[in-house]
């Protein structure tokens, strides 16, 4: 009976950890989506500019 109780404790601990990790992933995904939504407003206005973020061609030596 003692081994069964230990197994139950391990199982419940693993389930608790998995739930916590799932919540962490969901929170990170929500933060990323919020950042992306905030950046899309500014990206629309900048997308029509003629400036490039990087030069098209590498500089020659």
Protein backbone atom coordinates (compact mmCIF):
# COMPACT_ATOMS: atom_id res chain seq x y z
CA UNK A 1 0.00 0.00 0.00
CA UNK A 2 2.87 2.38 0.72
CA UNK A 3 4.19 2.16 -2.86
CA UNK A 4 0.73 2.88 -4.25
CA UNK A 5 0.49 6.08 -2.20
CA UNK A 6 3.94 7.18 -3.38
CA UNK A 7 2.90 6.57 -6.97
CA UNK A 8 -0.25 8.63 -6.43
CA UNK A 9 1.84 11.48 -5.01
CA UNK A 10 4.24 11.36 -7.98
CA UNK A 11 1.35 11.31 -10.43
CA UNK A 12 -0.38 14.28 -8.83
CA UNK A 13 2.91 16.19 -8.73
CA UNK A 14 3.53 15.55 -12.43
CA UNK A 15 0.00 16.67 -13.28
CA UNK A 16 0.47 19.84 -11.23
CA UNK A 17 3.76 20.60 -12.98
CA UNK A 18 2.26 20.00 -16.41
CA UNK A 19 -0.63 22.35 -15.62
CA UNK A 20 1.79 25.03 -14.45
CA UNK A 21 3.95 24.72 -17.57
CA UNK A 22 0.84 24.89 -19.75
CA UNK A 23 -0.22 28.11 -18.01
CA UNK A 24 3.25 29.58 -18.49
CA UNK A 25 3.17 28.76 -22.21
CA UNK A 26 -0.31 30.25 -22.59
CA UNK A 27 0.76 33.45 -20.82
CA UNK A 28 3.83 33.77 -23.04
CA UNK A 29 1.71 33.17 -26.13
CA UNK A 30 -0.78 35.84 -25.01
CA UNK A 31 2.03 38.36 -24.37
CA UNK A 32 3.51 37.61 -27.78
CA UNK A 33 0.11 38.05 -29.46
CA UNK A 34 -0.46 41.35 -27.64
CA UNK A 35 2.96 42.61 -28.73
CA UNK A 36 2.27 41.53 -32.28
CA UNK A 37 -1.12 43.28 -32.26
CA UNK A 38 0.50 46.46 -30.93
CA UNK A 39 3.21 46.34 -33.59
CA UNK A 40 0.86 45.77 -36.53
CA UNK A 41 -0.61 49.26 -36.17
CA UNK A 42 2.77 50.94 -36.54
CA UNK A 43 3.99 48.48 -39.16
CA UNK A 44 1.14 49.42 -41.50
CA UNK A 45 2.24 53.03 -41.63
CA UNK A 46 5.91 52.23 -42.03
CA UNK A 47 5.39 49.61 -44.71
CA UNK A 48 4.75 52.28 -47.35
CA UNK A 49 7.97 54.14 -46.74
CA UNK A 50 10.83 53.86 -49.20
CA UNK A 51 13.42 53.20 -46.50
CA UNK A 52 14.79 49.70 -46.11
CA UNK A 53 15.73 48.33 -42.74
CA UNK A 54 18.86 46.80 -44.21
CA UNK A 55 20.72 47.60 -47.39
CA UNK A 56 19.78 45.28 -50.22
CA UNK A 57 23.34 44.50 -51.16
CA UNK A 58 26.35 43.83 -48.98
CA UNK A 59 29.09 46.44 -48.99
CA UNK A 60 32.11 45.61 -51.06
CA UNK A 61 35.57 45.77 -49.57
